[in-house]
C-alpha cells in the first residue's frame, strides 16, 4: 500500500457545500476535519485560560480517554496579542456538527466548564443552548483554505491500530532473537 501525501483546497464560498444541522459541512480533507477559532479573551481572564489548560492536562492524566468521544488527532491552544486573543485549533475525525454536539455532551456529562467561558461573547447558557454554543464557534471560525496530509484521510483510530500492530510485530521479532 503506497501512501501518497495530498492537499486539498477548501473553497472560500460555502454556498455549494452540503448544509448540515448547523451550517455548511466543510469537506473531509487529507487532514480529516477540523476548525480554528479565534476570539477575544475577557479582560483579566488569560491566567484562568492558562489554568484551564493545566486542569485539562491533569484530567487527562487521570483519564487518558476523557476526550476520546471527540475523535481528536490534535488540539492547539494559543494566547496571543499580549494575551488578549485566543486561538483554538482542533483536528478530528468527525464533521463539525458531530464534534460540537459531542463536545457539549462531554463537558455537560463531566460537569466541567469549558475554557471558552473565558472568551468574549461566549454564551453563558452553552450547556442548555447548544445552538448558541455552535453559533459562537461558527462566528469565530477562521476556515483554512488548504489542508495537507502526509498520511491523508487516516483516522486517529487507524493510526493507533497501526502503532499497536507495529509494537506487536516488534515484540514478536524480539522474542525470535
N, C-alpha and C. Protein backbone atom coordinates (compact mmCIF):
# COMPACT_ATOMS: atom_id res chain seq x y z
N UNK A 1 0.85 -1.19 0.00
CA UNK A 1 0.00 0.00 0.00
C UNK A 1 0.89 1.24 0.00
N UNK A 2 0.76 2.03 -1.02
CA UNK A 2 1.53 3.26 -1.09
C UNK A 2 0.70 4.40 -0.52
N UNK A 3 1.30 5.15 0.37
CA UNK A 3 0.64 6.30 0.96
C UNK A 3 1.24 7.55 0.33
N UNK A 4 0.42 8.29 -0.41
CA UNK A 4 0.89 9.50 -1.08
C UNK A 4 0.33 10.72 -0.37
N UNK A 5 1.21 11.63 0.03
CA UNK A 5 0.72 12.88 0.62
C UNK A 5 -0.21 13.60 -0.35
N UNK A 6 -1.19 14.30 0.22
CA UNK A 6 -2.16 15.03 -0.59
C UNK A 6 -2.51 16.36 0.06
N UNK A 7 -2.99 17.26 -0.76
CA UNK A 7 -3.50 18.54 -0.29
C UNK A 7 -4.84 18.80 -0.98
N UNK A 8 -5.70 19.51 -0.29
CA UNK A 8 -7.00 19.88 -0.85
C UNK A 8 -7.22 21.36 -0.56
N UNK A 9 -7.64 22.09 -1.58
CA UNK A 9 -8.00 23.49 -1.42
C UNK A 9 -9.47 23.54 -1.01
N UNK A 10 -9.75 24.32 0.00
CA UNK A 10 -11.11 24.46 0.51
C UNK A 10 -11.69 25.76 -0.05
N UNK A 11 -12.87 25.68 -0.63
CA UNK A 11 -13.43 26.88 -1.26
C UNK A 11 -13.76 27.97 -0.24
N UNK A 12 -13.56 29.21 -0.68
CA UNK A 12 -13.90 30.35 0.19
C UNK A 12 -15.41 30.46 0.35
N UNK A 13 -16.12 30.28 -0.75
CA UNK A 13 -17.58 30.36 -0.72
C UNK A 13 -18.15 29.00 -0.27
N UNK A 14 -19.11 29.05 0.62
CA UNK A 14 -19.66 27.82 1.17
C UNK A 14 -21.05 27.48 0.63
N UNK A 15 -21.55 28.29 -0.32
CA UNK A 15 -22.90 28.08 -0.85
C UNK A 15 -23.08 26.68 -1.45
N UNK A 16 -22.03 26.17 -2.11
CA UNK A 16 -22.15 24.88 -2.79
C UNK A 16 -21.92 23.70 -1.85
N UNK A 17 -21.49 23.97 -0.59
CA UNK A 17 -21.25 22.88 0.34
C UNK A 17 -22.57 22.33 0.88
N UNK A 18 -22.54 21.05 1.20
CA UNK A 18 -23.69 20.42 1.86
C UNK A 18 -24.01 21.20 3.13
N UNK A 19 -25.27 21.38 3.41
CA UNK A 19 -25.68 22.07 4.63
C UNK A 19 -26.01 21.05 5.71
N UNK A 20 -25.35 21.18 6.82
CA UNK A 20 -25.62 20.31 7.96
C UNK A 20 -26.63 20.95 8.88
N UNK A 21 -26.76 20.38 10.03
CA UNK A 21 -27.70 20.86 11.03
C UNK A 21 -27.40 22.31 11.45
N UNK A 22 -26.10 22.67 11.44
CA UNK A 22 -25.69 23.97 11.96
C UNK A 22 -24.97 24.83 10.93
N UNK A 23 -25.13 24.54 9.66
CA UNK A 23 -24.48 25.34 8.63
C UNK A 23 -23.71 24.47 7.67
N UNK A 24 -22.82 25.08 6.88
CA UNK A 24 -22.11 24.31 5.86
C UNK A 24 -21.24 23.22 6.47
N UNK A 25 -21.20 22.08 5.81
CA UNK A 25 -20.34 20.98 6.22
C UNK A 25 -19.09 21.05 5.35
N UNK A 26 -18.00 21.46 5.97
CA UNK A 26 -16.76 21.54 5.22
C UNK A 26 -16.32 20.13 4.86
N UNK A 27 -15.68 19.98 3.71
CA UNK A 27 -15.31 18.64 3.27
C UNK A 27 -14.22 18.02 4.15
N UNK A 28 -14.25 16.71 4.21
CA UNK A 28 -13.14 15.99 4.84
C UNK A 28 -11.93 16.22 3.95
N UNK A 29 -10.83 16.51 4.56
CA UNK A 29 -9.61 16.78 3.81
C UNK A 29 -8.56 15.72 4.15
N UNK A 30 -7.40 15.77 3.52
CA UNK A 30 -6.35 14.83 3.89
C UNK A 30 -5.96 14.92 5.37
N UNK A 31 -6.27 16.05 6.01
CA UNK A 31 -6.02 16.21 7.44
C UNK A 31 -7.26 15.85 8.27
N UNK A 32 -8.24 15.24 7.65
CA UNK A 32 -9.53 14.88 8.26
C UNK A 32 -10.40 16.12 8.39
N UNK A 33 -11.02 16.33 9.54
CA UNK A 33 -11.85 17.51 9.76
C UNK A 33 -11.17 18.38 10.81
N UNK A 34 -11.64 19.60 10.94
CA UNK A 34 -11.09 20.45 11.97
C UNK A 34 -11.61 21.86 11.84
N UNK A 35 -11.26 22.66 12.81
CA UNK A 35 -11.57 24.08 12.73
C UNK A 35 -10.62 24.87 13.59
N UNK A 36 -10.56 26.15 13.28
CA UNK A 36 -9.75 27.11 14.02
C UNK A 36 -10.67 28.22 14.48
N UNK A 37 -10.62 28.50 15.75
CA UNK A 37 -11.43 29.57 16.34
C UNK A 37 -10.48 30.63 16.87
N UNK A 38 -10.77 31.87 16.55
CA UNK A 38 -10.01 32.99 17.12
C UNK A 38 -11.02 33.92 17.76
N UNK A 39 -10.78 34.22 19.04
CA UNK A 39 -11.73 35.06 19.78
C UNK A 39 -10.97 35.89 20.81
N UNK A 40 -11.61 36.98 21.22
CA UNK A 40 -11.04 37.82 22.27
C UNK A 40 -11.18 37.17 23.62
N UNK A 41 -10.17 37.37 24.46
CA UNK A 41 -10.20 36.88 25.83
C UNK A 41 -10.82 37.96 26.70
N UNK A 42 -11.73 37.57 27.60
CA UNK A 42 -12.30 38.55 28.52
C UNK A 42 -11.16 39.19 29.30
N UNK A 43 -11.24 40.50 29.52
CA UNK A 43 -10.17 41.18 30.27
C UNK A 43 -9.89 40.48 31.61
N UNK A 44 -8.60 40.25 31.86
CA UNK A 44 -8.19 39.64 33.12
C UNK A 44 -8.37 38.13 33.18
N UNK A 45 -8.76 37.48 32.09
CA UNK A 45 -9.06 36.04 32.12
C UNK A 45 -7.97 35.18 31.47
N UNK A 46 -6.87 35.76 31.03
CA UNK A 46 -5.82 34.97 30.37
C UNK A 46 -5.23 33.94 31.33
N UNK A 47 -5.00 34.32 32.59
CA UNK A 47 -4.45 33.36 33.55
C UNK A 47 -5.43 32.22 33.80
N UNK A 48 -6.72 32.55 33.84
CA UNK A 48 -7.73 31.50 34.00
C UNK A 48 -7.72 30.55 32.80
N UNK A 49 -7.50 31.10 31.63
CA UNK A 49 -7.42 30.28 30.43
C UNK A 49 -6.23 29.34 30.52
N UNK A 50 -5.09 29.86 30.93
CA UNK A 50 -3.90 29.02 31.10
C UNK A 50 -4.14 27.95 32.16
N UNK A 51 -4.75 28.34 33.25
CA UNK A 51 -5.03 27.39 34.33
C UNK A 51 -5.95 26.28 33.84
N UNK A 52 -6.89 26.64 32.96
CA UNK A 52 -7.77 25.61 32.41
C UNK A 52 -6.95 24.60 31.60
N UNK A 53 -5.91 25.06 30.93
CA UNK A 53 -5.03 24.13 30.22
C UNK A 53 -4.42 23.13 31.17
N UNK A 54 -3.95 23.60 32.35
CA UNK A 54 -3.41 22.68 33.36
C UNK A 54 -4.49 21.74 33.87
N UNK A 55 -5.68 22.27 34.06
CA UNK A 55 -6.79 21.43 34.54
C UNK A 55 -7.08 20.31 33.55
N UNK A 56 -7.12 20.66 32.28
CA UNK A 56 -7.37 19.65 31.25
C UNK A 56 -6.24 18.61 31.22
N UNK A 57 -5.00 19.07 31.31
CA UNK A 57 -3.87 18.14 31.30
C UNK A 57 -3.94 17.18 32.50
N UNK A 58 -4.29 17.70 33.69
CA UNK A 58 -4.43 16.84 34.88
C UNK A 58 -5.58 15.85 34.70
N UNK A 59 -6.68 16.32 34.13
CA UNK A 59 -7.83 15.43 33.91
C UNK A 59 -7.45 14.29 32.97
N UNK A 60 -6.64 14.59 31.96
CA UNK A 60 -6.20 13.56 31.02
C UNK A 60 -5.20 12.60 31.66
N UNK A 61 -4.44 13.08 32.64
CA UNK A 61 -3.56 12.17 33.39
C UNK A 61 -4.42 11.16 34.15
N UNK A 62 -5.52 11.63 34.72
CA UNK A 62 -6.43 10.74 35.47
C UNK A 62 -7.22 9.82 34.56
N UNK A 63 -7.61 10.31 33.40
CA UNK A 63 -8.38 9.52 32.44
C UNK A 63 -7.90 9.87 31.04
N UNK A 64 -6.92 9.11 30.52
CA UNK A 64 -6.37 9.43 29.21
C UNK A 64 -7.40 9.39 28.08
N UNK A 65 -8.54 8.78 28.34
CA UNK A 65 -9.57 8.63 27.31
C UNK A 65 -10.71 9.62 27.48
N UNK A 66 -10.51 10.60 28.33
CA UNK A 66 -11.56 11.60 28.60
C UNK A 66 -12.10 12.23 27.33
N UNK A 67 -11.23 12.59 26.42
CA UNK A 67 -11.65 13.27 25.19
C UNK A 67 -11.90 12.31 24.03
N UNK A 68 -11.84 11.02 24.28
CA UNK A 68 -11.99 10.01 23.21
C UNK A 68 -13.24 10.20 22.36
N UNK A 69 -14.39 10.57 22.95
CA UNK A 69 -15.58 10.74 22.11
C UNK A 69 -15.41 11.79 21.01
N UNK A 70 -14.46 12.68 21.17
CA UNK A 70 -14.26 13.75 20.18
C UNK A 70 -13.45 13.28 18.97
N UNK A 71 -12.87 12.11 19.03
CA UNK A 71 -12.09 11.55 17.91
C UNK A 71 -11.01 12.51 17.45
N UNK A 72 -10.31 13.09 18.41
CA UNK A 72 -9.29 14.09 18.12
C UNK A 72 -7.99 13.48 17.61
N UNK A 73 -7.33 14.22 16.74
CA UNK A 73 -5.94 13.96 16.40
C UNK A 73 -5.09 14.90 17.25
N UNK A 74 -5.41 16.20 17.15
CA UNK A 74 -4.61 17.22 17.83
C UNK A 74 -5.51 18.37 18.28
N UNK A 75 -5.06 19.01 19.35
CA UNK A 75 -5.61 20.31 19.77
C UNK A 75 -4.43 21.25 19.95
N UNK A 76 -4.65 22.49 19.63
CA UNK A 76 -3.63 23.50 19.88
C UNK A 76 -4.35 24.74 20.39
N UNK A 77 -3.89 25.22 21.55
CA UNK A 77 -4.44 26.44 22.13
C UNK A 77 -3.32 27.47 22.16
N UNK A 78 -3.62 28.69 21.74
CA UNK A 78 -2.62 29.74 21.70
C UNK A 78 -3.24 31.03 22.24
N UNK A 79 -2.57 31.66 23.19
CA UNK A 79 -2.89 33.02 23.61
C UNK A 79 -1.90 33.93 22.90
N UNK A 80 -2.39 35.02 22.32
CA UNK A 80 -1.50 35.91 21.58
C UNK A 80 -1.99 37.34 21.70
N UNK A 81 -1.28 38.26 21.06
CA UNK A 81 -1.56 39.70 21.16
C UNK A 81 -1.64 40.13 22.63
N UNK A 82 -0.56 39.84 23.35
CA UNK A 82 -0.47 40.21 24.77
C UNK A 82 -1.58 39.56 25.59
N UNK A 83 -1.89 38.32 25.28
CA UNK A 83 -2.90 37.52 25.99
C UNK A 83 -4.32 38.08 25.86
N UNK A 84 -4.57 38.85 24.80
CA UNK A 84 -5.91 39.41 24.61
C UNK A 84 -6.74 38.58 23.63
N UNK A 85 -6.06 37.68 22.88
CA UNK A 85 -6.79 36.86 21.91
C UNK A 85 -6.37 35.41 22.08
N UNK A 86 -7.28 34.54 21.67
CA UNK A 86 -7.10 33.10 21.85
C UNK A 86 -7.38 32.39 20.54
N UNK A 87 -6.55 31.38 20.25
CA UNK A 87 -6.79 30.55 19.08
C UNK A 87 -6.93 29.10 19.56
N UNK A 88 -8.01 28.48 19.11
CA UNK A 88 -8.26 27.06 19.36
C UNK A 88 -8.20 26.38 18.00
N UNK A 89 -7.36 25.39 17.89
CA UNK A 89 -7.27 24.65 16.64
C UNK A 89 -7.41 23.17 16.96
N UNK A 90 -8.37 22.54 16.33
CA UNK A 90 -8.59 21.12 16.54
C UNK A 90 -8.66 20.38 15.22
N UNK A 91 -8.08 19.20 15.19
CA UNK A 91 -8.16 18.30 14.04
C UNK A 91 -8.79 17.02 14.57
N UNK A 92 -9.84 16.54 13.89
CA UNK A 92 -10.60 15.40 14.40
C UNK A 92 -11.20 14.61 13.25
N UNK A 93 -11.84 13.49 13.59
CA UNK A 93 -12.32 12.56 12.57
C UNK A 93 -13.81 12.67 12.25
N UNK A 94 -14.53 13.52 12.94
CA UNK A 94 -15.96 13.65 12.68
C UNK A 94 -16.23 15.01 12.04
N UNK A 95 -17.41 15.19 11.51
CA UNK A 95 -17.71 16.51 10.95
C UNK A 95 -18.01 17.50 12.08
N UNK A 96 -18.12 18.76 11.69
CA UNK A 96 -18.30 19.85 12.65
C UNK A 96 -19.51 19.62 13.57
N UNK A 97 -20.65 19.28 12.98
CA UNK A 97 -21.87 19.12 13.77
C UNK A 97 -21.68 18.08 14.87
N UNK A 98 -21.16 16.93 14.51
CA UNK A 98 -20.97 15.84 15.49
C UNK A 98 -19.94 16.24 16.54
N UNK A 99 -18.85 16.85 16.10
CA UNK A 99 -17.81 17.25 17.05
C UNK A 99 -18.36 18.20 18.10
N UNK A 100 -19.08 19.23 17.67
CA UNK A 100 -19.57 20.22 18.63
C UNK A 100 -20.64 19.61 19.53
N UNK A 101 -21.53 18.79 18.98
CA UNK A 101 -22.54 18.13 19.83
C UNK A 101 -21.87 17.21 20.84
N UNK A 102 -20.85 16.47 20.41
CA UNK A 102 -20.13 15.58 21.32
C UNK A 102 -19.40 16.37 22.39
N UNK A 103 -18.82 17.52 22.02
CA UNK A 103 -18.10 18.35 22.99
C UNK A 103 -19.06 18.87 24.06
N UNK A 104 -20.21 19.35 23.65
CA UNK A 104 -21.20 19.85 24.62
C UNK A 104 -21.63 18.72 25.55
N UNK A 105 -21.93 17.56 24.98
CA UNK A 105 -22.36 16.42 25.79
C UNK A 105 -21.26 15.98 26.75
N UNK A 106 -20.04 15.94 26.27
CA UNK A 106 -18.91 15.51 27.09
C UNK A 106 -18.71 16.43 28.29
N UNK A 107 -18.66 17.74 28.05
CA UNK A 107 -18.44 18.68 29.14
C UNK A 107 -19.64 18.72 30.08
N UNK A 108 -20.84 18.63 29.55
CA UNK A 108 -22.02 18.64 30.40
C UNK A 108 -22.06 17.39 31.28
N UNK A 109 -21.79 16.24 30.69
CA UNK A 109 -21.80 14.97 31.43
C UNK A 109 -20.75 14.98 32.54
N UNK A 110 -19.57 15.50 32.21
CA UNK A 110 -18.49 15.53 33.18
C UNK A 110 -18.69 16.63 34.23
N UNK A 111 -19.66 17.52 33.97
CA UNK A 111 -19.94 18.60 34.91
C UNK A 111 -18.82 19.62 35.00
N UNK A 112 -18.08 19.76 33.92
CA UNK A 112 -16.97 20.72 33.93
C UNK A 112 -17.29 21.88 33.00
N UNK A 113 -16.57 22.93 33.22
CA UNK A 113 -16.74 24.10 32.36
C UNK A 113 -15.88 23.92 31.12
N UNK A 114 -15.95 24.88 30.25
CA UNK A 114 -15.09 24.90 29.08
C UNK A 114 -14.23 26.15 29.13
N UNK A 115 -13.03 26.05 28.61
CA UNK A 115 -12.15 27.21 28.56
C UNK A 115 -12.80 28.36 27.81
N UNK A 116 -13.72 28.04 26.93
CA UNK A 116 -14.39 29.07 26.13
C UNK A 116 -15.16 30.05 27.00
N UNK A 117 -15.49 29.68 28.23
CA UNK A 117 -16.20 30.60 29.12
C UNK A 117 -15.38 31.86 29.40
N UNK A 118 -14.09 31.79 29.13
CA UNK A 118 -13.20 32.94 29.32
C UNK A 118 -13.11 33.83 28.08
N UNK A 119 -13.91 33.53 27.08
CA UNK A 119 -13.85 34.27 25.82
C UNK A 119 -15.01 35.26 25.70
N UNK A 120 -14.72 36.39 25.12
CA UNK A 120 -15.74 37.42 24.92
C UNK A 120 -16.84 36.90 24.01
N UNK A 121 -18.07 37.09 24.43
CA UNK A 121 -19.22 36.71 23.62
C UNK A 121 -19.63 35.26 23.73
N UNK A 122 -18.92 34.46 24.53
CA UNK A 122 -19.31 33.06 24.67
C UNK A 122 -20.60 32.98 25.49
N UNK A 123 -21.58 32.21 25.02
CA UNK A 123 -22.88 32.19 25.70
C UNK A 123 -22.81 31.53 27.08
N UNK A 124 -23.37 32.22 28.06
CA UNK A 124 -23.38 31.67 29.42
C UNK A 124 -24.25 30.43 29.53
N UNK A 125 -25.24 30.31 28.66
CA UNK A 125 -26.16 29.16 28.72
C UNK A 125 -25.76 28.03 27.76
N UNK A 126 -24.48 27.91 27.47
CA UNK A 126 -24.00 26.96 26.46
C UNK A 126 -24.39 25.52 26.76
N UNK A 127 -24.50 25.15 28.05
CA UNK A 127 -24.85 23.76 28.39
C UNK A 127 -26.27 23.39 27.97
N UNK A 128 -27.16 24.34 28.04
CA UNK A 128 -28.56 24.08 27.71
C UNK A 128 -28.97 24.67 26.37
N UNK A 129 -28.07 25.38 25.74
CA UNK A 129 -28.37 26.03 24.48
C UNK A 129 -27.28 25.71 23.46
N UNK A 130 -27.29 24.47 22.95
CA UNK A 130 -26.23 24.08 22.02
C UNK A 130 -26.18 24.97 20.77
N UNK A 131 -27.32 25.50 20.37
CA UNK A 131 -27.32 26.36 19.19
C UNK A 131 -26.48 27.62 19.42
N UNK A 132 -26.53 28.17 20.65
CA UNK A 132 -25.73 29.35 20.96
C UNK A 132 -24.24 29.00 20.98
N UNK A 133 -23.91 27.84 21.53
CA UNK A 133 -22.52 27.37 21.52
C UNK A 133 -22.02 27.27 20.09
N UNK A 134 -22.80 26.62 19.26
CA UNK A 134 -22.41 26.38 17.87
C UNK A 134 -22.35 27.69 17.09
N UNK A 135 -23.28 28.59 17.36
CA UNK A 135 -23.26 29.90 16.70
C UNK A 135 -21.96 30.63 17.05
N UNK A 136 -21.55 30.58 18.33
CA UNK A 136 -20.30 31.21 18.74
C UNK A 136 -19.12 30.62 17.96
N UNK A 137 -19.07 29.30 17.89
CA UNK A 137 -17.96 28.64 17.19
C UNK A 137 -17.98 29.02 15.71
N UNK A 138 -19.15 28.99 15.09
CA UNK A 138 -19.24 29.35 13.66
C UNK A 138 -18.83 30.80 13.42
N UNK A 139 -19.24 31.70 14.31
CA UNK A 139 -18.93 33.12 14.13
C UNK A 139 -17.43 33.40 14.31
N UNK A 140 -16.75 32.55 15.06
CA UNK A 140 -15.33 32.78 15.34
C UNK A 140 -14.41 31.83 14.58
N UNK A 141 -15.01 31.00 13.74
CA UNK A 141 -14.24 30.05 12.93
C UNK A 141 -13.52 30.78 11.80
N UNK A 142 -12.25 30.47 11.65
CA UNK A 142 -11.44 31.01 10.55
C UNK A 142 -11.07 29.83 9.67
N UNK A 143 -11.84 29.58 8.62
CA UNK A 143 -11.59 28.39 7.80
C UNK A 143 -10.23 28.43 7.12
N UNK A 144 -9.62 27.27 7.05
CA UNK A 144 -8.38 27.16 6.30
C UNK A 144 -8.73 27.14 4.81
N UNK A 145 -7.76 27.45 3.98
CA UNK A 145 -8.04 27.41 2.53
C UNK A 145 -7.27 26.30 1.84
N UNK A 146 -6.35 25.66 2.57
CA UNK A 146 -5.69 24.46 2.05
C UNK A 146 -5.31 23.60 3.25
N UNK A 147 -5.46 22.31 3.07
CA UNK A 147 -5.05 21.38 4.11
C UNK A 147 -4.26 20.25 3.47
N UNK A 148 -3.22 19.85 4.17
CA UNK A 148 -2.27 18.85 3.67
C UNK A 148 -2.22 17.69 4.66
N UNK A 149 -2.07 16.49 4.13
CA UNK A 149 -1.88 15.32 4.96
C UNK A 149 -0.73 14.49 4.43
N UNK A 150 0.26 14.24 5.27
CA UNK A 150 1.37 13.37 4.92
C UNK A 150 0.87 11.93 4.79
N UNK A 151 -0.10 11.59 5.64
CA UNK A 151 -0.80 10.30 5.56
C UNK A 151 -2.29 10.65 5.47
N UNK A 152 -2.75 10.92 4.24
CA UNK A 152 -4.08 11.52 4.05
C UNK A 152 -5.25 10.60 4.40
N UNK A 153 -6.27 11.23 4.96
CA UNK A 153 -7.55 10.59 5.24
C UNK A 153 -7.46 9.42 6.21
N UNK A 154 -6.44 9.41 7.05
CA UNK A 154 -6.28 8.34 8.01
C UNK A 154 -6.85 8.81 9.35
N UNK A 155 -7.69 7.98 9.96
CA UNK A 155 -8.30 8.36 11.23
C UNK A 155 -7.34 8.11 12.38
N UNK A 156 -7.65 8.74 13.51
CA UNK A 156 -6.84 8.54 14.72
C UNK A 156 -6.89 7.07 15.13
N UNK A 157 -8.05 6.43 15.02
CA UNK A 157 -8.16 5.00 15.38
C UNK A 157 -7.29 4.14 14.48
N UNK A 158 -7.23 4.46 13.19
CA UNK A 158 -6.38 3.70 12.27
C UNK A 158 -4.89 3.88 12.62
N UNK A 159 -4.51 5.07 13.00
CA UNK A 159 -3.13 5.33 13.39
C UNK A 159 -2.79 4.53 14.65
N UNK A 160 -3.68 4.56 15.64
CA UNK A 160 -3.42 3.81 16.87
C UNK A 160 -3.36 2.31 16.60
N UNK A 161 -4.21 1.81 15.74
CA UNK A 161 -4.19 0.39 15.37
C UNK A 161 -2.85 0.03 14.71
N UNK A 162 -2.41 0.86 13.78
CA UNK A 162 -1.13 0.61 13.10
C UNK A 162 0.02 0.60 14.10
N UNK A 163 -0.02 1.50 15.07
CA UNK A 163 1.04 1.53 16.08
C UNK A 163 1.00 0.31 16.98
N UNK A 164 -0.21 -0.19 17.31
CA UNK A 164 -0.32 -1.43 18.09
C UNK A 164 0.25 -2.61 17.31
N UNK A 165 -0.07 -2.68 16.01
CA UNK A 165 0.45 -3.76 15.17
C UNK A 165 1.98 -3.67 15.11
N UNK A 166 2.49 -2.49 14.93
CA UNK A 166 3.94 -2.30 14.88
C UNK A 166 4.58 -2.78 16.18
N UNK A 167 4.00 -2.41 17.31
CA UNK A 167 4.52 -2.82 18.61
C UNK A 167 4.47 -4.34 18.75
N UNK A 168 3.38 -4.95 18.36
CA UNK A 168 3.23 -6.40 18.44
C UNK A 168 4.27 -7.10 17.56
N UNK A 169 4.48 -6.60 16.36
CA UNK A 169 5.48 -7.19 15.46
C UNK A 169 6.89 -7.04 16.04
N UNK A 170 7.17 -5.90 16.63
CA UNK A 170 8.48 -5.68 17.25
C UNK A 170 8.69 -6.65 18.39
N UNK A 171 7.68 -6.84 19.23
CA UNK A 171 7.77 -7.80 20.35
C UNK A 171 8.00 -9.20 19.83
N UNK A 172 7.25 -9.58 18.79
CA UNK A 172 7.39 -10.91 18.21
C UNK A 172 8.80 -11.11 17.66
N UNK A 173 9.31 -10.14 16.94
CA UNK A 173 10.66 -10.24 16.40
C UNK A 173 11.71 -10.31 17.50
N UNK A 174 11.49 -9.53 18.57
CA UNK A 174 12.42 -9.58 19.70
C UNK A 174 12.44 -10.97 20.33
N UNK A 175 11.30 -11.62 20.42
CA UNK A 175 11.22 -12.96 21.01
C UNK A 175 11.88 -14.02 20.13
N UNK A 176 11.92 -13.77 18.81
CA UNK A 176 12.57 -14.72 17.91
C UNK A 176 14.09 -14.67 17.99
N UNK A 177 14.62 -13.64 18.54
CA UNK A 177 16.10 -13.49 18.60
C UNK A 177 16.68 -14.23 19.76
